Amino acid sequence: MQALKNLRNRLNDHLQAVGETYLQHLVKATAFAARMMAGALACLIHGLLPFLFTHTGSDCVRRLHDEMVENRGQPSDP
């Protein structure tokens, strides 16, 4: 029972820290995962065909970093 209480506290602490509900966090994290997978696929294709997706992976990482770290807690653009 204590482990479940600790898990719930950690979950609530994180959700409060990022200012999101559970559902908002789930949707946002899923969207981030999809974009990361798309960037990873572009990197894989670039590895095979270096003339394709020459900036896609680094652009993806930069945008995700800006959105996740640098702009956390700021209102999103409409």
PDB file of N, CA and C in Angstrom:
ATOM      1  N   MET A   1       0.815  -1.192   0.000  1.00  0.00           N
ATOM      2  CA  MET A   1       0.000   0.000   0.000  1.00  0.00           C
ATOM      3  C   MET A   1       0.863   1.262   0.000  1.00  0.00           C
ATOM      4  N   GLN A   2       1.960   1.225   0.732  1.00  0.00           N
ATOM      5  CA  GLN A   2       2.848   2.392   0.788  1.00  0.00           C
ATOM      6  C   GLN A   2       3.459   2.686  -0.581  1.00  0.00           C
ATOM      7  N   ALA A   3       3.789   1.632  -1.320  1.00  0.00           N
ATOM      8  CA  ALA A   3       4.370   1.820  -2.650  1.00  0.00           C
ATOM      9  C   ALA A   3       3.375   2.517  -3.573  1.00  0.00           C
ATOM     10  N   LEU A   4       2.107   2.155  -3.485  1.00  0.00           N
ATOM     11  CA  LEU A   4       1.070   2.793  -4.298  1.00  0.00           C
ATOM     12  C   LEU A   4       0.915   4.261  -3.908  1.00  0.00           C
ATOM     13  N   LYS A   5       0.977   4.549  -2.631  1.00  0.00           N
ATOM     14  CA  LYS A   5       0.875   5.928  -2.158  1.00  0.00           C
ATOM     15  C   LYS A   5       2.067   6.747  -2.655  1.00  0.00           C
ATOM     16  N   ASN A   6       3.261   6.162  -2.610  1.00  0.00           N
ATOM     17  CA  ASN A   6       4.454   6.852  -3.102  1.00  0.00           C
ATOM     18  C   ASN A   6       4.352   7.126  -4.598  1.00  0.00           C
ATOM     19  N   LEU A   7       3.860   6.153  -5.345  1.00  0.00           N
ATOM     20  CA  LEU A   7       3.682   6.311  -6.777  1.00  0.00           C
ATOM     21  C   LEU A   7       2.695   7.439  -7.075  1.00  0.00           C
ATOM     22  N   ARG A   8       1.593   7.456  -6.358  1.00  0.00           N
ATOM     23  CA  ARG A   8       0.586   8.502  -6.542  1.00  0.00           C
ATOM     24  C   ARG A   8       1.155   9.880  -6.211  1.00  0.00           C
ATOM     25  N   ASN A   9       1.945   9.966  -5.145  1.00  0.00           N
ATOM     26  CA  ASN A   9       2.568  11.242  -4.772  1.00  0.00           C
ATOM     27  C   ASN A   9       3.540  11.715  -5.847  1.00  0.00           C
ATOM     28  N   ARG A  10       4.338  10.803  -6.365  1.00  0.00           N
ATOM     29  CA  ARG A  10       5.288  11.166  -7.425  1.00  0.00           C
ATOM     30  C   ARG A  10       4.554  11.634  -8.670  1.00  0.00           C
ATOM     31  N   LEU A  11       3.477  10.951  -9.014  1.00  0.00           N
ATOM     32  CA  LEU A  11       2.669  11.331 -10.170  1.00  0.00           C
ATOM     33  C   LEU A  11       2.096  12.730  -9.966  1.00  0.00           C
ATOM     34  N   ASN A  12       1.476  12.965  -8.829  1.00  0.00           N
ATOM     35  CA  ASN A  12       0.881  14.273  -8.548  1.00  0.00           C
ATOM     36  C   ASN A  12       1.931  15.367  -8.507  1.00  0.00           C
ATOM     37  N   ASP A  13       3.086  15.087  -7.931  1.00  0.00           N
ATOM     38  CA  ASP A  13       4.171  16.077  -7.881  1.00  0.00           C
ATOM     39  C   ASP A  13       4.603  16.475  -9.286  1.00  0.00           C
ATOM     40  N   HIS A  14       4.754  15.488 -10.153  1.00  0.00           N
ATOM     41  CA  HIS A  14       5.186  15.781 -11.515  1.00  0.00           C
ATOM     42  C   HIS A  14       4.122  16.571 -12.274  1.00  0.00           C
ATOM     43  N   LEU A  15       2.873  16.161 -12.162  1.00  0.00           N
ATOM     44  CA  LEU A  15       1.799  16.859 -12.861  1.00  0.00           C
ATOM     45  C   LEU A  15       1.685  18.304 -12.379  1.00  0.00           C
ATOM     46  N   GLN A  16       1.843  18.525 -11.087  1.00  0.00           N
ATOM     47  CA  GLN A  16       1.821  19.897 -10.567  1.00  0.00           C
ATOM     48  C   GLN A  16       3.020  20.684 -11.074  1.00  0.00           C
ATOM     49  N   ALA A  17       4.176  20.061 -11.149  1.00  0.00           N
ATOM     50  CA  ALA A  17       5.393  20.745 -11.591  1.00  0.00           C
ATOM     51  C   ALA A  17       5.274  21.217 -13.041  1.00  0.00           C
ATOM     52  N   VAL A  18       4.598  20.441 -13.876  1.00  0.00           N
ATOM     53  CA  VAL A  18       4.447  20.824 -15.282  1.00  0.00           C
ATOM     54  C   VAL A  18       3.134  21.546 -15.546  1.00  0.00           C
ATOM     55  N   GLY A  19       2.290  21.653 -14.533  1.00  0.00           N
ATOM     56  CA  GLY A  19       1.042  22.402 -14.665  1.00  0.00           C
ATOM     57  C   GLY A  19       0.036  21.769 -15.599  1.00  0.00           C
ATOM     58  N   GLU A  20      -0.071  20.438 -15.542  1.00  0.00           N
ATOM     59  CA  GLU A  20      -0.993  19.725 -16.427  1.00  0.00           C
ATOM     60  C   GLU A  20      -1.816  18.723 -15.635  1.00  0.00           C
ATOM     61  N   THR A  21      -2.997  18.396 -16.168  1.00  0.00           N
ATOM     62  CA  THR A  21      -3.776  17.299 -15.616  1.00  0.00           C
ATOM     63  C   THR A  21      -3.190  15.999 -16.176  1.00  0.00           C
ATOM     64  N   TYR A  22      -3.658  14.878 -15.668  1.00  0.00           N
ATOM     65  CA  TYR A  22      -3.174  13.594 -16.162  1.00  0.00           C
ATOM     66  C   TYR A  22      -3.467  13.443 -17.652  1.00  0.00           C
ATOM     67  N   LEU A  23      -4.687  13.777 -18.069  1.00  0.00           N
ATOM     68  CA  LEU A  23      -5.069  13.629 -19.471  1.00  0.00           C
ATOM     69  C   LEU A  23      -4.268  14.585 -20.362  1.00  0.00           C
ATOM     70  N   GLN A  24      -4.084  15.830 -19.930  1.00  0.00           N
ATOM     71  CA  GLN A  24      -3.272  16.769 -20.707  1.00  0.00           C
ATOM     72  C   GLN A  24      -1.849  16.240 -20.871  1.00  0.00           C
ATOM     73  N   HIS A  25      -1.303  15.711 -19.789  1.00  0.00           N
ATOM     74  CA  HIS A  25       0.062  15.185 -19.825  1.00  0.00           C
ATOM     75  C   HIS A  25       0.154  13.980 -20.748  1.00  0.00           C
ATOM     76  N   LEU A  26      -0.825  13.101 -20.691  1.00  0.00           N
ATOM     77  CA  LEU A  26      -0.855  11.917 -21.550  1.00  0.00           C
ATOM     78  C   LEU A  26      -0.882  12.312 -23.017  1.00  0.00           C
ATOM     79  N   VAL A  27      -1.731  13.261 -23.362  1.00  0.00           N
ATOM     80  CA  VAL A  27      -1.853  13.701 -24.752  1.00  0.00           C
ATOM     81  C   VAL A  27      -0.557  14.360 -25.209  1.00  0.00           C
ATOM     82  N   LYS A  28      -0.010  15.248 -24.380  1.00  0.00           N
ATOM     83  CA  LYS A  28       1.207  15.959 -24.748  1.00  0.00           C
ATOM     84  C   LYS A  28       2.388  14.990 -24.877  1.00  0.00           C
ATOM     85  N   ALA A  29       2.535  14.065 -23.930  1.00  0.00           N
ATOM     86  CA  ALA A  29       3.634  13.102 -23.979  1.00  0.00           C
ATOM     87  C   ALA A  29       3.504  12.181 -25.195  1.00  0.00           C
ATOM     88  N   THR A  30       2.289  11.797 -25.529  1.00  0.00           N
ATOM     89  CA  THR A  30       2.069  10.956 -26.704  1.00  0.00           C
ATOM     90  C   THR A  30       2.424  11.711 -27.988  1.00  0.00           C
ATOM     91  N   ALA A  31       2.064  12.989 -28.040  1.00  0.00           N
ATOM     92  CA  ALA A  31       2.403  13.804 -29.209  1.00  0.00           C
ATOM     93  C   ALA A  31       3.920  13.958 -29.327  1.00  0.00           C
ATOM     94  N   PHE A  32       4.593  14.165 -28.208  1.00  0.00           N
ATOM     95  CA  PHE A  32       6.055  14.250 -28.225  1.00  0.00           C
ATOM     96  C   PHE A  32       6.659  12.942 -28.717  1.00  0.00           C
ATOM     97  N   ALA A  33       6.141  11.825 -28.237  1.00  0.00           N
ATOM     98  CA  ALA A  33       6.660  10.513 -28.645  1.00  0.00           C
ATOM     99  C   ALA A  33       6.502  10.313 -30.147  1.00  0.00           C
ATOM    100  N   ALA A  34       5.359  10.698 -30.684  1.00  0.00           N
ATOM    101  CA  ALA A  34       5.124  10.538 -32.123  1.00  0.00           C
ATOM    102  C   ALA A  34       6.107  11.395 -32.922  1.00  0.00           C
ATOM    103  N   ARG A  35       6.342  12.621 -32.466  1.00  0.00           N
ATOM    104  CA  ARG A  35       7.275  13.493 -33.170  1.00  0.00           C
ATOM    105  C   ARG A  35       8.707  12.969 -33.050  1.00  0.00           C
ATOM    106  N   MET A  36       9.055  12.405 -31.906  1.00  0.00           N
ATOM    107  CA  MET A  36      10.384  11.822 -31.743  1.00  0.00           C
ATOM    108  C   MET A  36      10.562  10.619 -32.665  1.00  0.00           C
ATOM    109  N   MET A  37       9.528   9.800 -32.786  1.00  0.00           N
ATOM    110  CA  MET A  37       9.615   8.642 -33.675  1.00  0.00           C
ATOM    111  C   MET A  37       9.745   9.077 -35.132  1.00  0.00           C
ATOM    112  N   ALA A  38       9.040  10.141 -35.507  1.00  0.00           N
ATOM    113  CA  ALA A  38       9.152  10.652 -36.876  1.00  0.00           C
ATOM    114  C   ALA A  38      10.569  11.168 -37.126  1.00  0.00           C
ATOM    115  N   GLY A  39      11.137  11.881 -36.142  1.00  0.00           N
ATOM    116  CA  GLY A  39      12.509  12.367 -36.272  1.00  0.00           C
ATOM    117  C   GLY A  39      13.501  11.215 -36.350  1.00  0.00           C
ATOM    118  N   ALA A  40      13.269  10.177 -35.566  1.00  0.00           N
ATOM    119  CA  ALA A  40      14.146   9.006 -35.591  1.00  0.00           C
ATOM    120  C   ALA A  40      14.080   8.306 -36.945  1.00  0.00           C
ATOM    121  N   LEU A  41      12.893   8.195 -37.502  1.00  0.00           N
ATOM    122  CA  LEU A  41      12.739   7.583 -38.822  1.00  0.00           C
ATOM    123  C   LEU A  41      13.475   8.402 -39.877  1.00  0.00           C
ATOM    124  N   ALA A  42      13.363   9.729 -39.787  1.00  0.00           N
ATOM    125  CA  ALA A  42      14.085  10.592 -40.728  1.00  0.00           C
ATOM    126  C   ALA A  42      15.590  10.385 -40.599  1.00  0.00           C
ATOM    127  N   CYS A  43      16.089  10.231 -39.370  1.00  0.00           N
ATOM    128  CA  CYS A  43      17.525   9.985 -39.164  1.00  0.00           C
ATOM    129  C   CYS A  43      17.943   8.643 -39.756  1.00  0.00           C
ATOM    130  N   LEU A  44      17.108   7.630 -39.595  1.00  0.00           N
ATOM    131  CA  LEU A  44      17.420   6.316 -40.159  1.00  0.00           C
ATOM    132  C   LEU A  44      17.486   6.388 -41.684  1.00  0.00           C
ATOM    133  N   ILE A  45      16.504   7.052 -42.275  1.00  0.00           N
ATOM    134  CA  ILE A  45      16.510   7.194 -43.732  1.00  0.00           C
ATOM    135  C   ILE A  45      17.721   8.008 -44.175  1.00  0.00           C
ATOM    136  N   HIS A  46      18.046   9.055 -43.432  1.00  0.00           N
ATOM    137  CA  HIS A  46      19.222   9.871 -43.754  1.00  0.00           C
ATOM    138  C   HIS A  46      20.499   9.026 -43.701  1.00  0.00           C
ATOM    139  N   GLY A  47      20.573   8.118 -42.739  1.00  0.00           N
ATOM    140  CA  GLY A  47      21.739   7.236 -42.652  1.00  0.00           C
ATOM    141  C   GLY A  47      21.894   6.380 -43.893  1.00  0.00           C
ATOM    142  N   LEU A  48      20.777   5.942 -44.455  1.00  0.00           N
ATOM    143  CA  LEU A  48      20.809   5.105 -45.652  1.00  0.00           C
ATOM    144  C   LEU A  48      20.993   5.936 -46.921  1.00  0.00           C
ATOM    145  N   LEU A  49      20.358   7.097 -46.959  1.00  0.00           N
ATOM    146  CA  LEU A  49      20.398   7.982 -48.130  1.00  0.00           C
ATOM    147  C   LEU A  49      20.758   9.386 -47.644  1.00  0.00           C
ATOM    148  N   PRO A  50      22.045   9.658 -47.482  1.00  0.00           N
ATOM    149  CA  PRO A  50      22.500  10.892 -46.828  1.00  0.00           C
ATOM    150  C   PRO A  50      22.034  12.199 -47.452  1.00  0.00           C
ATOM    151  N   PHE A  51      21.570  12.173 -48.677  1.00  0.00           N
ATOM    152  CA  PHE A  51      21.096  13.400 -49.308  1.00  0.00           C
ATOM    153  C   PHE A  51      19.663  13.746 -48.911  1.00  0.00           C
ATOM    154  N   LEU A  52      18.991  12.846 -48.197  1.00  0.00           N
ATOM    155  CA  LEU A  52      17.630  13.094 -47.721  1.00  0.00           C
ATOM    156  C   LEU A  52      17.637  13.492 -46.248  1.00  0.00           C
ATOM    157  N   PHE A  53      16.701  14.318 -45.850  1.00  0.00           N
ATOM    158  CA  PHE A  53      16.487  14.703 -44.449  1.00  0.00           C
ATOM    159  C   PHE A  53      17.771  15.199 -43.774  1.00  0.00           C
ATOM    160  N   THR A  54      18.480  16.090 -44.442  1.00  0.00           N
ATOM    161  CA  THR A  54      19.790  16.527 -43.940  1.00  0.00           C
ATOM    162  C   THR A  54      19.709  17.339 -42.651  1.00  0.00           C
ATOM    163  N   HIS A  55      18.574  17.944 -42.363  1.00  0.00           N
ATOM    164  CA  HIS A  55      18.441  18.741 -41.132  1.00  0.00           C
ATOM    165  C   HIS A  55      17.261  18.307 -40.269  1.00  0.00           C
ATOM    166  N   THR A  56      16.512  17.351 -40.714  1.00  0.00           N
ATOM    167  CA  THR A  56      15.262  16.981 -40.049  1.00  0.00           C
ATOM    168  C   THR A  56      15.469  16.525 -38.612  1.00  0.00           C
ATOM    169  N   GLY A  57      16.434  15.652 -38.376  1.00  0.00           N
ATOM    170  CA  GLY A  57      16.661  15.139 -37.023  1.00  0.00           C
ATOM    171  C   GLY A  57      17.058  16.233 -36.051  1.00  0.00           C
ATOM    172  N   SER A  58      18.028  17.055 -36.429  1.00  0.00           N
ATOM    173  CA  SER A  58      18.475  18.123 -35.529  1.00  0.00           C
ATOM    174  C   SER A  58      17.394  19.179 -35.348  1.00  0.00           C
ATOM    175  N   ASP A  59      16.629  19.470 -36.393  1.00  0.00           N
ATOM    176  CA  ASP A  59      15.515  20.418 -36.259  1.00  0.00           C
ATOM    177  C   ASP A  59      14.460  19.884 -35.293  1.00  0.00           C
ATOM    178  N   CYS A  60      14.183  18.598 -35.390  1.00  0.00           N
ATOM    179  CA  CYS A  60      13.207  17.962 -34.510  1.00  0.00           C
ATOM    180  C   CYS A  60      13.660  18.051 -33.052  1.00  0.00           C
ATOM    181  N   VAL A  61      14.904  17.710 -32.797  1.00  0.00           N
ATOM    182  CA  VAL A  61      15.435  17.762 -31.435  1.00  0.00           C
ATOM    183  C   VAL A  61      15.374  19.189 -30.893  1.00  0.00           C
ATOM    184  N   ARG A  62      15.762  20.149 -31.708  1.00  0.00           N
ATOM    185  CA  ARG A  62      15.760  21.553 -31.285  1.00  0.00           C
ATOM    186  C   ARG A  62      14.341  22.022 -30.935  1.00  0.00           C
ATOM    187  N   ARG A  63      13.377  21.718 -31.814  1.00  0.00           N
ATOM    188  CA  ARG A  63      11.991  22.138 -31.553  1.00  0.00           C
ATOM    189  C   ARG A  63      11.444  21.474 -30.298  1.00  0.00           C
ATOM    190  N   LEU A  64      11.690  20.178 -30.137  1.00  0.00           N
ATOM    191  CA  LEU A  64      11.187  19.474 -28.951  1.00  0.00           C
ATOM    192  C   LEU A  64      11.842  20.019 -27.682  1.00  0.00           C
ATOM    193  N   HIS A  65      13.128  20.281 -27.729  1.00  0.00           N
ATOM    194  CA  HIS A  65      13.819  20.855 -26.567  1.00  0.00           C
ATOM    195  C   HIS A  65      13.225  22.215 -26.217  1.00  0.00           C
ATOM    196  N   ASP A  66      13.057  23.060 -27.217  1.00  0.00           N
ATOM    197  CA  ASP A  66      12.488  24.384 -26.962  1.00  0.00           C
ATOM    198  C   ASP A  66      11.106  24.271 -26.333  1.00  0.00           C
ATOM    199  N   GLU A  67      10.302  23.387 -26.864  1.00  0.00           N
ATOM    200  CA  GLU A  67       8.939  23.229 -26.365  1.00  0.00           C
ATOM    201  C   GLU A  67       8.909  22.600 -24.977  1.00  0.00           C
ATOM    202  N   MET A  68       9.747  21.592 -24.748  1.00  0.00           N
ATOM    203  CA  MET A  68       9.685  20.853 -23.492  1.00  0.00           C
ATOM    204  C   MET A  68      10.421  21.546 -22.353  1.00  0.00           C
ATOM    205  N   VAL A  69      11.573  22.134 -22.621  1.00  0.00           N
ATOM    206  CA  VAL A  69      12.416  22.656 -21.554  1.00  0.00           C
ATOM    207  C   VAL A  69      12.352  24.173 -21.457  1.00  0.00           C
ATOM    208  N   GLU A  70      12.659  24.840 -22.552  1.00  0.00           N
ATOM    209  CA  GLU A  70      12.790  26.290 -22.497  1.00  0.00           C
ATOM    210  C   GLU A  70      11.460  27.006 -22.339  1.00  0.00           C
ATOM    211  N   ASN A  71      10.398  26.455 -22.901  1.00  0.00           N
ATOM    212  CA  ASN A  71       9.095  27.133 -22.841  1.00  0.00           C
ATOM    213  C   ASN A  71       8.142  26.523 -21.835  1.00  0.00           C
ATOM    214  N   ARG A  72       8.610  25.636 -20.989  1.00  0.00           N
ATOM    215  CA  ARG A  72       7.740  24.996 -20.008  1.00  0.00           C
ATOM    216  C   ARG A  72       7.147  26.048 -19.075  1.00  0.00           C
ATOM    217  N   GLY A  73       5.867  25.926 -18.854  1.00  0.00           N
ATOM    218  CA  GLY A  73       5.196  26.828 -17.947  1.00  0.00           C
ATOM    219  C   GLY A  73       4.749  28.129 -18.584  1.00  0.00           C
ATOM    220  N   GLN A  74       5.122  28.349 -19.840  1.00  0.00           N
ATOM    221  CA  GLN A  74       4.681  29.547 -20.539  1.00  0.00           C
ATOM    222  C   GLN A  74       3.454  29.187 -21.362  1.00  0.00           C
ATOM    223  N   PRO A  75       2.551  30.133 -21.549  1.00  0.00           N
ATOM    224  CA  PRO A  75       1.370  29.817 -22.366  1.00  0.00           C
ATOM    225  C   PRO A  75       1.772  29.451 -23.779  1.00  0.00           C
ATOM    226  N   SER A  76       1.089  28.459 -24.347  1.00  0.00           N
ATOM    227  CA  SER A  76       1.415  28.057 -25.720  1.00  0.00           C
ATOM    228  C   SER A  76       0.795  29.023 -26.708  1.00  0.00           C
ATOM    229  N   ASP A  77       1.388  29.032 -27.898  1.00  0.00           N
ATOM    230  CA  ASP A  77       0.854  29.874 -28.959  1.00  0.00           C
ATOM    231  C   ASP A  77      -0.490  29.318 -29.406  1.00  0.00           C
ATOM    232  N   PRO A  78      -1.426  30.211 -29.754  1.00  0.00           N
ATOM    233  CA  PRO A  78      -2.754  29.720 -30.185  1.00  0.00           C
ATOM    234  C   PRO A  78      -2.713  29.034 -31.524  1.00  0.00           C
TER     235      PRO A  78
END
